[in-house]
Amino acid sequence: GCEGKGYSIVWNGSTVASKMWTGYIDRTDFYSMVNAA
């Protein structure tokens, strides 16, 4: 697997927001957390 799961928003070549969660995450919970963030 991977160290974590998360998201990155890149605007004009710079990361303006990013978060990674580690440990077990249910797919449904993960997408709920990403969408809220």
All heavy atoms as atom14 arrays in JSON, in Angstrom:
{
  "sequence": "GCEGKGYSIVWNGSTVASKMWTGYIDRTDFYSMVNAA",
  "atom14_mask": [
    [1, 1, 1, 1, 0, 0, 0, 0, 0, 0, 0, 0, 0, 0],
    [1, 1, 1, 1, 1, 1, 0, 0, 0, 0, 0, 0, 0, 0],
    [1, 1, 1, 1, 1, 1, 1, 1, 1, 0, 0, 0, 0, 0],
    [1, 1, 1, 1, 0, 0, 0, 0, 0, 0, 0, 0, 0, 0],
    [1, 1, 1, 1, 1, 1, 1, 1, 1, 0, 0, 0, 0, 0],
    [1, 1, 1, 1, 0, 0, 0, 0, 0, 0, 0, 0, 0, 0],
    [1, 1, 1, 1, 1, 1, 1, 1, 1, 1, 1, 1, 0, 0],
    [1, 1, 1, 1, 1, 1, 0, 0, 0, 0, 0, 0, 0, 0],
    [1, 1, 1, 1, 1, 1, 1, 1, 0, 0, 0, 0, 0, 0],
    [1, 1, 1, 1, 1, 1, 1, 0, 0, 0, 0, 0, 0, 0],
    [1, 1, 1, 1, 1, 1, 1, 1, 1, 1, 1, 1, 1, 1],
    [1, 1, 1, 1, 1, 1, 1, 1, 0, 0, 0, 0, 0, 0],
    [1, 1, 1, 1, 0, 0, 0, 0, 0, 0, 0, 0, 0, 0],
    [1, 1, 1, 1, 1, 1, 0, 0, 0, 0, 0, 0, 0, 0],
    [1, 1, 1, 1, 1, 1, 1, 0, 0, 0, 0, 0, 0, 0],
    [1, 1, 1, 1, 1, 1, 1, 0, 0, 0, 0, 0, 0, 0],
    [1, 1, 1, 1, 1, 0, 0, 0, 0, 0, 0, 0, 0, 0],
    [1, 1, 1, 1, 1, 1, 0, 0, 0, 0, 0, 0, 0, 0],
    [1, 1, 1, 1, 1, 1, 1, 1, 1, 0, 0, 0, 0, 0],
    [1, 1, 1, 1, 1, 1, 1, 1, 0, 0, 0, 0, 0, 0],
    [1, 1, 1, 1, 1, 1, 1, 1, 1, 1, 1, 1, 1, 1],
    [1, 1, 1, 1, 1, 1, 1, 0, 0, 0, 0, 0, 0, 0],
    [1, 1, 1, 1, 0, 0, 0, 0, 0, 0, 0, 0, 0, 0],
    [1, 1, 1, 1, 1, 1, 1, 1, 1, 1, 1, 1, 0, 0],
    [1, 1, 1, 1, 1, 1, 1, 1, 0, 0, 0, 0, 0, 0],
    [1, 1, 1, 1, 1, 1, 1, 1, 0, 0, 0, 0, 0, 0],
    [1, 1, 1, 1, 1, 1, 1, 1, 1, 1, 1, 0, 0, 0],
    [1, 1, 1, 1, 1, 1, 1, 0, 0, 0, 0, 0, 0, 0],
    [1, 1, 1, 1, 1, 1, 1, 1, 0, 0, 0, 0, 0, 0],
    [1, 1, 1, 1, 1, 1, 1, 1, 1, 1, 1, 0, 0, 0],
    [1, 1, 1, 1, 1, 1, 1, 1, 1, 1, 1, 1, 0, 0],
    [1, 1, 1, 1, 1, 1, 0, 0, 0, 0, 0, 0, 0, 0],
    [1, 1, 1, 1, 1, 1, 1, 1, 0, 0, 0, 0, 0, 0],
    [1, 1, 1, 1, 1, 1, 1, 0, 0, 0, 0, 0, 0, 0],
    [1, 1, 1, 1, 1, 1, 1, 1, 0, 0, 0, 0, 0, 0],
    [1, 1, 1, 1, 1, 0, 0, 0, 0, 0, 0, 0, 0, 0],
    [1, 1, 1, 1, 1, 0, 0, 0, 0, 0, 0, 0, 0, 0]
  ],
  "atom14_positions": [
    [[0.82, -1.2, 0.0], [0.0, 0.0, 0.0], [0.86, 1.26, 0.0], [2.02, 1.23, -0.36], [0.0, 0.0, 0.0], [0.0, 0.0, 0.0], [0.0, 0.0, 0.0], [0.0, 0.0, 0.0], [0.0, 0.0, 0.0], [0.0, 0.0, 0.0], [0.0, 0.0, 0.0], [0.0, 0.0, 0.0], [0.0, 0.0, 0.0], [0.0, 0.0, 0.0]],
    [[0.26, 2.36, 0.43], [0.94, 3.65, 0.44], [1.01, 4.2, 1.85], [0.25, 3.8, 2.72], [0.19, 4.64, -0.45], [0.19, 4.18, -2.19], [0.0, 0.0, 0.0], [0.0, 0.0, 0.0], [0.0, 0.0, 0.0], [0.0, 0.0, 0.0], [0.0, 0.0, 0.0], [0.0, 0.0, 0.0], [0.0, 0.0, 0.0], [0.0, 0.0, 0.0]],
    [[1.92, 5.16, 2.04], [2.07, 5.79, 3.35], [0.79, 6.5, 3.78], [0.49, 6.59, 4.96], [3.21, 6.8, 3.32], [4.57, 6.17, 3.24], [5.66, 7.21, 3.19], [5.57, 8.15, 2.38], [6.61, 7.07, 3.97], [0.0, 0.0, 0.0], [0.0, 0.0, 0.0], [0.0, 0.0, 0.0], [0.0, 0.0, 0.0], [0.0, 0.0, 0.0]],
    [[0.08, 7.03, 2.81], [-1.14, 7.76, 3.16], [-1.99, 8.02, 1.94], [-1.68, 7.62, 0.82], [0.0, 0.0, 0.0], [0.0, 0.0, 0.0], [0.0, 0.0, 0.0], [0.0, 0.0, 0.0], [0.0, 0.0, 0.0], [0.0, 0.0, 0.0], [0.0, 0.0, 0.0], [0.0, 0.0, 0.0], [0.0, 0.0, 0.0], [0.0, 0.0, 0.0]],
    [[-3.09, 8.69, 2.2], [-4.03, 9.09, 1.16], [-4.39, 10.54, 1.43], [-4.48, 10.95, 2.58], [-5.28, 8.22, 1.22], [-5.01, 6.78, 0.82], [-5.91, 5.84, 1.57], [-5.57, 4.4, 1.32], [-4.21, 4.03, 1.63], [0.0, 0.0, 0.0], [0.0, 0.0, 0.0], [0.0, 0.0, 0.0], [0.0, 0.0, 0.0], [0.0, 0.0, 0.0]],
    [[-4.6, 11.3, 0.37], [-4.9, 12.71, 0.59], [-5.21, 13.44, -0.69], [-5.59, 12.83, -1.69], [0.0, 0.0, 0.0], [0.0, 0.0, 0.0], [0.0, 0.0, 0.0], [0.0, 0.0, 0.0], [0.0, 0.0, 0.0], [0.0, 0.0, 0.0], [0.0, 0.0, 0.0], [0.0, 0.0, 0.0], [0.0, 0.0, 0.0], [0.0, 0.0, 0.0]],
    [[-5.01, 14.76, -0.64], [-5.28, 15.6, -1.8], [-4.24, 16.71, -1.87], [-3.61, 17.07, -0.88], [-6.68, 16.21, -1.74], [-6.79, 17.34, -0.74], [-6.63, 18.66, -1.15], [-7.01, 17.09, 0.6], [-6.7, 19.69, -0.24], [-7.09, 18.12, 1.52], [-6.93, 19.42, 1.09], [-6.99, 20.45, 2.0], [0.0, 0.0, 0.0], [0.0, 0.0, 0.0]],
    [[-4.08, 17.26, -3.05], [-3.26, 18.45, -3.28], [-3.98, 19.32, -4.29], [-4.5, 18.82, -5.29], [-1.89, 18.1, -3.84], [-1.11, 17.44, -2.89], [0.0, 0.0, 0.0], [0.0, 0.0, 0.0], [0.0, 0.0, 0.0], [0.0, 0.0, 0.0], [0.0, 0.0, 0.0], [0.0, 0.0, 0.0], [0.0, 0.0, 0.0], [0.0, 0.0, 0.0]],
    [[-4.0, 20.61, -4.02], [-4.53, 21.58, -4.98], [-3.34, 22.4, -5.46], [-2.62, 23.0, -4.65], [-5.57, 22.52, -4.34], [-6.75, 21.71, -3.8], [-6.03, 23.57, -5.35], [-7.75, 22.55, -3.0], [0.0, 0.0, 0.0], [0.0, 0.0, 0.0], [0.0, 0.0, 0.0], [0.0, 0.0, 0.0], [0.0, 0.0, 0.0], [0.0, 0.0, 0.0]],
    [[-3.12, 22.4, -6.77], [-2.01, 23.14, -7.36], [-2.59, 24.26, -8.22], [-3.42, 24.01, -9.1], [-1.09, 22.22, -8.18], [0.01, 23.01, -8.87], [-0.5, 21.15, -7.27], [0.0, 0.0, 0.0], [0.0, 0.0, 0.0], [0.0, 0.0, 0.0], [0.0, 0.0, 0.0], [0.0, 0.0, 0.0], [0.0, 0.0, 0.0], [0.0, 0.0, 0.0]],
    [[-2.18, 25.49, -7.94], [-2.66, 26.67, -8.67], [-1.44, 27.46, -9.12], [-0.62, 27.84, -8.29], [-3.56, 27.52, -7.77], [-4.18, 28.66, -8.49], [-3.74, 29.95, -8.52], [-5.36, 28.64, -9.29], [-4.56, 30.73, -9.3], [-5.57, 29.94, -9.78], [-6.25, 27.63, -9.64], [-6.64, 30.26, -10.6], [-7.31, 27.96, -10.47], [-7.51, 29.25, -10.93]],
    [[-1.32, 27.68, -10.39], [-0.2, 28.42, -10.98], [1.14, 27.8, -10.6], [2.11, 28.5, -10.32], [-0.26, 29.9, -10.62], [0.59, 30.73, -11.55], [0.86, 30.33, -12.67], [1.02, 31.89, -11.08], [0.0, 0.0, 0.0], [0.0, 0.0, 0.0], [0.0, 0.0, 0.0], [0.0, 0.0, 0.0], [0.0, 0.0, 0.0], [0.0, 0.0, 0.0]],
    [[1.2, 26.48, -10.52], [2.43, 25.76, -10.24], [2.79, 25.63, -8.78], [3.79, 25.02, -8.44], [0.0, 0.0, 0.0], [0.0, 0.0, 0.0], [0.0, 0.0, 0.0], [0.0, 0.0, 0.0], [0.0, 0.0, 0.0], [0.0, 0.0, 0.0], [0.0, 0.0, 0.0], [0.0, 0.0, 0.0], [0.0, 0.0, 0.0], [0.0, 0.0, 0.0]],
    [[1.99, 26.21, -7.88], [2.27, 26.13, -6.44], [1.18, 25.34, -5.73], [-0.01, 25.5, -6.04], [2.33, 27.54, -5.82], [3.38, 28.27, -6.38], [0.0, 0.0, 0.0], [0.0, 0.0, 0.0], [0.0, 0.0, 0.0], [0.0, 0.0, 0.0], [0.0, 0.0, 0.0], [0.0, 0.0, 0.0], [0.0, 0.0, 0.0], [0.0, 0.0, 0.0]],
    [[1.58, 24.53, -4.77], [0.6, 23.81, -3.96], [-0.01, 24.8, -2.98], [0.69, 25.38, -2.15], [1.27, 22.65, -3.2], [1.85, 21.76, -4.15], [0.25, 21.9, -2.35], [0.0, 0.0, 0.0], [0.0, 0.0, 0.0], [0.0, 0.0, 0.0], [0.0, 0.0, 0.0], [0.0, 0.0, 0.0], [0.0, 0.0, 0.0], [0.0, 0.0, 0.0]],
    [[-1.32, 25.03, -3.11], [-2.0, 26.0, -2.26], [-2.74, 25.33, -1.1], [-3.06, 25.99, -0.12], [-2.96, 26.91, -3.07], [-2.17, 27.76, -4.06], [-4.01, 26.08, -3.81], [0.0, 0.0, 0.0], [0.0, 0.0, 0.0], [0.0, 0.0, 0.0], [0.0, 0.0, 0.0], [0.0, 0.0, 0.0], [0.0, 0.0, 0.0], [0.0, 0.0, 0.0]],
    [[-3.0, 24.05, -1.21], [-3.62, 23.29, -0.12], [-3.29, 21.82, -0.33], [-3.3, 21.33, -1.45], [-5.13, 23.5, -0.1], [0.0, 0.0, 0.0], [0.0, 0.0, 0.0], [0.0, 0.0, 0.0], [0.0, 0.0, 0.0], [0.0, 0.0, 0.0], [0.0, 0.0, 0.0], [0.0, 0.0, 0.0], [0.0, 0.0, 0.0], [0.0, 0.0, 0.0]],
    [[-3.0, 21.14, 0.77], [-2.66, 19.72, 0.69], [-2.82, 19.1, 2.06], [-2.55, 19.75, 3.08], [-1.21, 19.56, 0.21], [-0.89, 18.21, 0.08], [0.0, 0.0, 0.0], [0.0, 0.0, 0.0], [0.0, 0.0, 0.0], [0.0, 0.0, 0.0], [0.0, 0.0, 0.0], [0.0, 0.0, 0.0], [0.0, 0.0, 0.0], [0.0, 0.0, 0.0]],
    [[-3.27, 17.87, 2.1], [-3.38, 17.15, 3.36], [-3.26, 15.66, 3.08], [-3.77, 15.18, 2.08], [-4.69, 17.44, 4.05], [-4.81, 16.72, 5.39], [-5.87, 17.31, 6.25], [-5.98, 16.52, 7.53], [-5.36, 17.14, 8.65], [0.0, 0.0, 0.0], [0.0, 0.0, 0.0], [0.0, 0.0, 0.0], [0.0, 0.0, 0.0], [0.0, 0.0, 0.0]],
    [[-2.55, 14.96, 3.96], [-2.42, 13.52, 3.84], [-2.84, 12.89, 5.16], [-2.45, 13.35, 6.22], [-0.97, 13.13, 3.53], [-0.79, 11.63, 3.35], [0.86, 11.16, 2.79], [1.73, 11.06, 4.34], [0.0, 0.0, 0.0], [0.0, 0.0, 0.0], [0.0, 0.0, 0.0], [0.0, 0.0, 0.0], [0.0, 0.0, 0.0], [0.0, 0.0, 0.0]],
    [[-3.66, 11.84, 5.07], [-4.07, 11.08, 6.24], [-3.35, 9.74, 6.2], [-3.19, 9.14, 5.14], [-5.58, 10.84, 6.23], [-6.38, 12.08, 6.43], [-6.77, 12.63, 7.62], [-6.93, 12.92, 5.41], [-7.51, 13.77, 7.4], [-7.64, 13.98, 6.05], [-6.9, 12.92, 4.02], [-8.29, 14.98, 5.36], [-7.55, 13.92, 3.32], [-8.23, 14.93, 4.0]],
    [[-2.9, 9.27, 7.36], [-2.21, 7.99, 7.43], [-3.06, 6.99, 8.19], [-4.02, 7.36, 8.86], [-0.83, 8.13, 8.11], [-1.03, 8.64, 9.42], [0.07, 9.06, 7.33], [0.0, 0.0, 0.0], [0.0, 0.0, 0.0], [0.0, 0.0, 0.0], [0.0, 0.0, 0.0], [0.0, 0.0, 0.0], [0.0, 0.0, 0.0], [0.0, 0.0, 0.0]],
    [[-2.68, 5.73, 8.1], [-3.43, 4.68, 8.76], [-4.59, 4.23, 7.89], [-4.81, 4.71, 6.78], [0.0, 0.0, 0.0], [0.0, 0.0, 0.0], [0.0, 0.0, 0.0], [0.0, 0.0, 0.0], [0.0, 0.0, 0.0], [0.0, 0.0, 0.0], [0.0, 0.0, 0.0], [0.0, 0.0, 0.0], [0.0, 0.0, 0.0], [0.0, 0.0, 0.0]],
    [[-5.36, 3.28, 8.42], [-6.49, 2.75, 7.66], [-7.58, 3.8, 7.53], [-7.96, 4.46, 8.5], [-7.08, 1.51, 8.34], [-8.32, 1.03, 7.61], [-8.2, 0.29, 6.44], [-9.58, 1.37, 8.07], [-9.33, -0.12, 5.75], [-10.71, 0.96, 7.38], [-10.58, 0.22, 6.22], [-11.69, -0.17, 5.53], [0.0, 0.0, 0.0], [0.0, 0.0, 0.0]],
    [[-8.08, 3.97, 6.32], [-9.2, 4.88, 6.06], [-10.15, 4.17, 5.11], [-9.74, 3.72, 4.04], [-8.74, 6.19, 5.42], [-7.73, 6.93, 6.3], [-9.94, 7.1, 5.13], [-7.11, 8.14, 5.65], [0.0, 0.0, 0.0], [0.0, 0.0, 0.0], [0.0, 0.0, 0.0], [0.0, 0.0, 0.0], [0.0, 0.0, 0.0], [0.0, 0.0, 0.0]],
    [[-11.4, 4.08, 5.48], [-12.44, 3.56, 4.61], [-12.59, 4.52, 3.42], [-12.52, 5.74, 3.58], [-13.75, 3.46, 5.41], [-14.89, 3.01, 4.55], [-14.96, 1.81, 4.24], [-15.71, 3.88, 4.18], [0.0, 0.0, 0.0], [0.0, 0.0, 0.0], [0.0, 0.0, 0.0], [0.0, 0.0, 0.0], [0.0, 0.0, 0.0], [0.0, 0.0, 0.0]],
    [[-12.8, 3.98, 2.24], [-12.91, 4.81, 1.04], [-13.99, 5.88, 1.16], [-13.79, 7.04, 0.79], [-13.16, 3.92, -0.18], [-13.13, 4.67, -1.49], [-13.33, 3.74, -2.67], [-12.26, 2.8, -2.85], [-11.16, 3.05, -3.56], [-11.01, 4.2, -4.14], [-10.22, 2.14, -3.68], [0.0, 0.0, 0.0], [0.0, 0.0, 0.0], [0.0, 0.0, 0.0]],
    [[-15.15, 5.52, 1.67], [-16.25, 6.48, 1.82], [-15.87, 7.59, 2.79], [-16.09, 8.78, 2.51], [-17.52, 5.77, 2.3], [-17.85, 4.73, 1.37], [-18.69, 6.73, 2.41], [0.0, 0.0, 0.0], [0.0, 0.0, 0.0], [0.0, 0.0, 0.0], [0.0, 0.0, 0.0], [0.0, 0.0, 0.0], [0.0, 0.0, 0.0], [0.0, 0.0, 0.0]],
    [[-15.27, 7.24, 3.92], [-14.82, 8.24, 4.89], [-13.75, 9.14, 4.29], [-13.73, 10.35, 4.52], [-14.29, 7.58, 6.16], [-15.37, 6.85, 6.94], [-16.56, 7.16, 6.73], [-15.02, 5.98, 7.75], [0.0, 0.0, 0.0], [0.0, 0.0, 0.0], [0.0, 0.0, 0.0], [0.0, 0.0, 0.0], [0.0, 0.0, 0.0], [0.0, 0.0, 0.0]],
    [[-12.84, 8.54, 3.54], [-11.76, 9.31, 2.92], [-12.32, 10.39, 2.0], [-11.95, 11.56, 2.1], [-10.81, 8.38, 2.14], [-9.84, 9.11, 1.27], [-8.83, 9.88, 1.83], [-9.92, 9.04, -0.11], [-7.92, 10.56, 1.03], [-9.03, 9.71, -0.91], [-8.03, 10.47, -0.35], [0.0, 0.0, 0.0], [0.0, 0.0, 0.0], [0.0, 0.0, 0.0]],
    [[-13.22, 10.02, 1.11], [-13.75, 11.0, 0.17], [-14.6, 12.05, 0.89], [-14.63, 13.21, 0.47], [-14.5, 10.33, -0.98], [-13.53, 9.76, -1.98], [-13.27, 8.4, -2.03], [-12.82, 10.58, -2.84], [-12.36, 7.87, -2.92], [-11.9, 10.07, -3.74], [-11.67, 8.72, -3.77], [-10.75, 8.21, -4.65], [0.0, 0.0, 0.0], [0.0, 0.0, 0.0]],
    [[-15.26, 11.7, 1.97], [-15.99, 12.69, 2.76], [-15.03, 13.71, 3.37], [-15.3, 14.92, 3.37], [-16.79, 12.01, 3.88], [-17.82, 11.24, 3.34], [0.0, 0.0, 0.0], [0.0, 0.0, 0.0], [0.0, 0.0, 0.0], [0.0, 0.0, 0.0], [0.0, 0.0, 0.0], [0.0, 0.0, 0.0], [0.0, 0.0, 0.0], [0.0, 0.0, 0.0]],
    [[-13.89, 13.24, 3.9], [-12.89, 14.14, 4.49], [-12.27, 15.03, 3.42], [-12.07, 16.23, 3.64], [-11.81, 13.34, 5.22], [-12.32, 12.63, 6.46], [-11.05, 11.81, 7.44], [-10.34, 10.66, 6.3], [0.0, 0.0, 0.0], [0.0, 0.0, 0.0], [0.0, 0.0, 0.0], [0.0, 0.0, 0.0], [0.0, 0.0, 0.0], [0.0, 0.0, 0.0]],
    [[-11.95, 14.46, 2.26], [-11.35, 15.24, 1.18], [-12.33, 16.31, 0.7], [-11.96, 17.48, 0.53], [-10.93, 14.33, 0.0], [-10.62, 15.15, -1.24], [-9.73, 13.49, 0.4], [0.0, 0.0, 0.0], [0.0, 0.0, 0.0], [0.0, 0.0, 0.0], [0.0, 0.0, 0.0], [0.0, 0.0, 0.0], [0.0, 0.0, 0.0], [0.0, 0.0, 0.0]],
    [[-13.58, 15.93, 0.47], [-14.56, 16.9, -0.01], [-14.77, 18.03, 0.99], [-14.86, 19.2, 0.61], [-15.87, 16.21, -0.35], [-15.76, 15.35, -1.59], [-14.92, 15.6, -2.45], [-16.57, 14.33, -1.68], [0.0, 0.0, 0.0], [0.0, 0.0, 0.0], [0.0, 0.0, 0.0], [0.0, 0.0, 0.0], [0.0, 0.0, 0.0], [0.0, 0.0, 0.0]],
    [[-14.83, 17.72, 2.27], [-14.97, 18.76, 3.3], [-13.76, 19.68, 3.3], [-13.9, 20.92, 3.4], [-15.16, 18.13, 4.67], [0.0, 0.0, 0.0], [0.0, 0.0, 0.0], [0.0, 0.0, 0.0], [0.0, 0.0, 0.0], [0.0, 0.0, 0.0], [0.0, 0.0, 0.0], [0.0, 0.0, 0.0], [0.0, 0.0, 0.0], [0.0, 0.0, 0.0]],
    [[-12.56, 19.12, 3.19], [-11.34, 19.93, 3.19], [-11.28, 20.84, 1.96], [-10.96, 22.03, 2.07], [-10.12, 19.03, 3.25], [0.0, 0.0, 0.0], [0.0, 0.0, 0.0], [0.0, 0.0, 0.0], [0.0, 0.0, 0.0], [0.0, 0.0, 0.0], [0.0, 0.0, 0.0], [0.0, 0.0, 0.0], [0.0, 0.0, 0.0], [0.0, 0.0, 0.0]]
  ]
}
